[in-house]
C-alpha atoms as a PDB file:
ATOM      1  CA  MET A   1    -131.618 148.838  50.605  1.00  0.00           C
ATOM      2  CA  THR A   2    -130.003 145.396  50.613  1.00  0.00           C
ATOM      3  CA  GLU A   3    -127.446 144.303  53.205  1.00  0.00           C
ATOM      4  CA  ILE A   4    -124.779 141.633  53.248  1.00  0.00           C
ATOM      5  CA  THR A   5    -124.246 140.046  56.626  1.00  0.00           C
ATOM      6  CA  THR A   6    -121.357 137.800  57.621  1.00  0.00           C
ATOM      7  CA  ARG A   7    -120.736 136.964  61.247  1.00  0.00           C
ATOM      8  CA  GLU A   8    -121.213 140.239  63.126  1.00  0.00           C
ATOM      9  CA  LYS A   9    -120.694 142.569  60.170  1.00  0.00           C
ATOM     10  CA  SER A  10    -123.305 144.100  57.982  1.00  0.00           C
ATOM     11  CA  VAL A  11    -122.580 146.163  54.889  1.00  0.00           C
ATOM     12  CA  PRO A  12    -125.338 148.268  53.375  1.00  0.00           C
ATOM     13  CA  VAL A  13    -125.332 147.855  49.619  1.00  0.00           C
ATOM     14  CA  THR A  14    -125.832 150.864  47.396  1.00  0.00           C
ATOM     15  CA  ASN A  15    -124.772 151.139  43.760  1.00  0.00           C
ATOM     16  CA  GLU A  16    -121.102 150.317  44.294  1.00  0.00           C
ATOM     17  CA  SER A  17    -119.250 149.610  47.489  1.00  0.00           C
ATOM     18  CA  THR A  18    -116.430 151.685  48.903  1.00  0.00           C
ATOM     19  CA  LEU A  19    -114.958 148.715  50.776  1.00  0.00           C
ATOM     20  CA  SER A  20    -111.270 148.223  50.062  1.00  0.00           C
ATOM     21  CA  PHE A  21    -110.381 145.054  48.171  1.00  0.00           C
ATOM     22  CA  GLU A  22    -108.494 143.766  51.220  1.00  0.00           C
ATOM     23  CA  VAL A  23    -111.419 144.266  53.616  1.00  0.00           C
ATOM     24  CA  TYR A  24    -113.885 142.775  51.161  1.00  0.00           C
ATOM     25  CA  PHE A  25    -111.695 139.743  50.433  1.00  0.00           C
ATOM     26  CA  ARG A  26    -110.698 139.060  54.051  1.00  0.00           C
ATOM     27  CA  ASP A  27    -113.948 139.833  55.864  1.00  0.00           C
ATOM     28  CA  TYR A  28    -116.617 138.864  53.349  1.00  0.00           C
ATOM     29  CA  TYR A  29    -115.326 136.707  50.490  1.00  0.00           C
ATOM     30  CA  LEU A  30    -113.023 134.359  52.455  1.00  0.00           C
ATOM     31  CA  PRO A  31    -115.611 133.463  55.114  1.00  0.00           C
ATOM     32  CA  TRP A  32    -118.038 132.625  52.293  1.00  0.00           C
ATOM     33  CA  CYS A  33    -115.358 130.460  50.566  1.00  0.00           C
ATOM     34  CA  ARG A  34    -114.284 128.545  53.649  1.00  0.00           C
ATOM     35  CA  LYS A  35    -116.701 125.613  53.257  1.00  0.00           C
ATOM     36  CA  ARG A  36    -117.630 126.048  49.614  1.00  0.00           C
ATOM     37  CA  GLN A  37    -114.396 126.288  47.644  1.00  0.00           C
ATOM     38  CA  VAL A  38    -111.848 123.563  46.895  1.00  0.00           C
ATOM     39  CA  TYR A  39    -108.961 126.030  46.543  1.00  0.00           C
ATOM     40  CA  TYR A  40    -109.618 127.641  49.914  1.00  0.00           C
ATOM     41  CA  GLU A  41    -107.014 125.702  51.931  1.00  0.00           C
ATOM     42  CA  THR A  42    -104.323 125.643  49.263  1.00  0.00           C
ATOM     43  CA  MET A  43    -104.638 129.024  47.562  1.00  0.00           C
ATOM     44  CA  LYS A  44    -107.409 131.400  48.549  1.00  0.00           C
ATOM     45  CA  LYS A  45    -106.560 131.885  52.198  1.00  0.00           C
ATOM     46  CA  TYR A  46    -103.004 132.899  51.160  1.00  0.00           C
ATOM     47  CA  PHE A  47    -104.031 135.106  48.239  1.00  0.00           C
ATOM     48  CA  LEU A  48    -103.829 138.412  50.127  1.00  0.00           C
ATOM     49  CA  ASN A  49    -100.205 137.611  51.011  1.00  0.00           C
ATOM     50  CA  VAL A  50     -99.216 137.843  47.326  1.00  0.00           C
ATOM     51  CA  VAL A  51    -101.394 140.805  46.350  1.00  0.00           C
ATOM     52  CA  PRO A  52     -99.444 144.100  46.345  1.00  0.00           C
ATOM     53  CA  ASP A  53    -100.320 146.683  48.988  1.00  0.00           C
ATOM     54  CA  TRP A  54    -101.356 149.283  46.404  1.00  0.00           C
ATOM     55  CA  PHE A  55    -104.009 146.873  45.117  1.00  0.00           C
ATOM     56  CA  LYS A  56    -105.264 145.885  48.577  1.00  0.00           C
ATOM     57  CA  GLN A  57    -106.047 149.514  49.327  1.00  0.00           C
ATOM     58  CA  LEU A  58    -108.138 150.071  46.197  1.00  0.00           C
ATOM     59  CA  LYS A  59    -111.853 150.463  46.781  1.00  0.00           C
ATOM     60  CA  LEU A  60    -114.026 147.983  44.903  1.00  0.00           C
ATOM     61  CA  ASN A  61    -115.499 150.877  42.959  1.00  0.00           C
ATOM     62  CA  GLN A  62    -111.982 151.930  41.817  1.00  0.00           C
ATOM     63  CA  ILE A  63    -110.969 148.613  40.252  1.00  0.00           C
ATOM     64  CA  SER A  64    -111.114 148.737  36.468  1.00  0.00           C
ATOM     65  CA  THR A  65    -109.477 147.077  33.478  1.00  0.00           C
ATOM     66  CA  LYS A  66    -106.272 149.037  34.058  1.00  0.00           C
ATOM     67  CA  GLU A  67    -105.910 147.895  37.672  1.00  0.00           C
ATOM     68  CA  SER A  68    -106.734 144.268  36.901  1.00  0.00           C
ATOM     69  CA  GLU A  69    -104.127 144.241  34.112  1.00  0.00           C
ATOM     70  CA  MET A  70    -101.604 145.867  36.454  1.00  0.00           C
ATOM     71  CA  LEU A  71    -102.289 143.126  38.998  1.00  0.00           C
ATOM     72  CA  GLN A  72    -101.752 140.445  36.374  1.00  0.00           C
ATOM     73  CA  SER A  73     -98.512 142.135  35.261  1.00  0.00           C
ATOM     74  CA  TYR A  74     -97.358 142.295  38.877  1.00  0.00           C
ATOM     75  CA  PHE A  75     -97.803 138.528  39.209  1.00  0.00           C
ATOM     76  CA  MET A  76     -95.902 137.920  35.954  1.00  0.00           C
ATOM     77  CA  GLU A  77     -93.019 140.154  37.085  1.00  0.00           C
ATOM     78  CA  LYS A  78     -92.692 138.075  40.247  1.00  0.00           C
ATOM     79  CA  ASP A  79     -91.553 135.132  38.107  1.00  0.00           C
ATOM     80  CA  TYR A  80     -94.511 132.975  39.042  1.00  0.00           C
ATOM     81  CA  THR A  81     -95.281 130.242  36.542  1.00  0.00           C
ATOM     82  CA  ILE A  82     -97.986 130.991  34.007  1.00  0.00           C
ATOM     83  CA  ALA A  83    -100.229 128.444  35.755  1.00  0.00           C
ATOM     84  CA  THR A  84     -99.800 130.231  39.105  1.00  0.00           C
ATOM     85  CA  VAL A  85    -100.458 133.640  37.541  1.00  0.00           C
ATOM     86  CA  ASN A  86    -103.624 132.249  35.956  1.00  0.00           C
ATOM     87  CA  ARG A  87    -104.752 130.704  39.253  1.00  0.00           C
ATOM     88  CA  TYR A  88    -104.214 133.958  41.139  1.00  0.00           C
ATOM     89  CA  PHE A  89    -106.035 135.926  38.472  1.00  0.00           C
ATOM     90  CA  LYS A  90    -108.941 133.466  38.513  1.00  0.00           C
ATOM     91  CA  ILE A  91    -109.191 133.884  42.295  1.00  0.00           C
ATOM     92  CA  PHE A  92    -109.355 137.651  41.779  1.00  0.00           C
ATOM     93  CA  LEU A  93    -112.014 137.299  39.053  1.00  0.00           C
ATOM     94  CA  ALA A  94    -114.088 134.883  41.147  1.00  0.00           C
ATOM     95  CA  SER A  95    -114.014 137.299  44.085  1.00  0.00           C
ATOM     96  CA  MET A  96    -115.152 140.160  41.850  1.00  0.00           C
ATOM     97  CA  THR A  97    -117.921 138.015  40.358  1.00  0.00           C
ATOM     98  CA  LYS A  98    -119.177 137.340  43.883  1.00  0.00           C
ATOM     99  CA  ALA A  99    -118.972 141.092  44.629  1.00  0.00           C
ATOM    100  CA  TYR A 100    -121.245 141.638  41.625  1.00  0.00           C
ATOM    101  CA  GLU A 101    -123.658 138.926  42.794  1.00  0.00           C
ATOM    102  CA  TRP A 102    -123.800 140.659  46.195  1.00  0.00           C
ATOM    103  CA  ASP A 103    -124.485 144.027  44.469  1.00  0.00           C
ATOM    104  CA  LEU A 104    -121.185 145.534  45.627  1.00  0.00           C
ATOM    105  CA  ILE A 105    -120.067 146.393  42.087  1.00  0.00           C
ATOM    106  CA  SER A 106    -121.968 147.123  38.910  1.00  0.00           C
ATOM    107  CA  GLU A 107    -122.301 144.815  35.942  1.00  0.00           C
ATOM    108  CA  GLN A 108    -120.353 147.328  33.846  1.00  0.00           C
ATOM    109  CA  ARG A 109    -117.424 147.202  36.293  1.00  0.00           C
ATOM    110  CA  LEU A 110    -117.429 143.389  36.259  1.00  0.00           C
ATOM    111  CA  LYS A 111    -117.455 143.335  32.449  1.00  0.00           C
ATOM    112  CA  ALA A 112    -114.581 145.827  32.337  1.00  0.00           C
ATOM    113  CA  ILE A 113    -112.503 143.700  34.698  1.00  0.00           C
ATOM    114  CA  ARG A 114    -113.015 140.487  32.756  1.00  0.00           C
END
């Protein structure tokens, strides 16, 4: 079994993770982004502040096309500019791509989300 380790945390990886999106993003994805991503300081570290609570509580293995489209619709209803909606959605997609690379979600789930 593979494990992902960041700081003092270790998550055993099985087929698909039951981490919530919020825990995954805050405790695993953001620490990885900190030194590697240009958008970290301006967008990524604030991303969870704009994500609705219902989405934060979803487990990674529960996120599908429906939920990703609902998230995108939520951003559009907030009267963000199209560019901001696209940026937020790209942050979400990038985080899910990394979850796939870390074996936290299946390839089928990633394809369904995109």
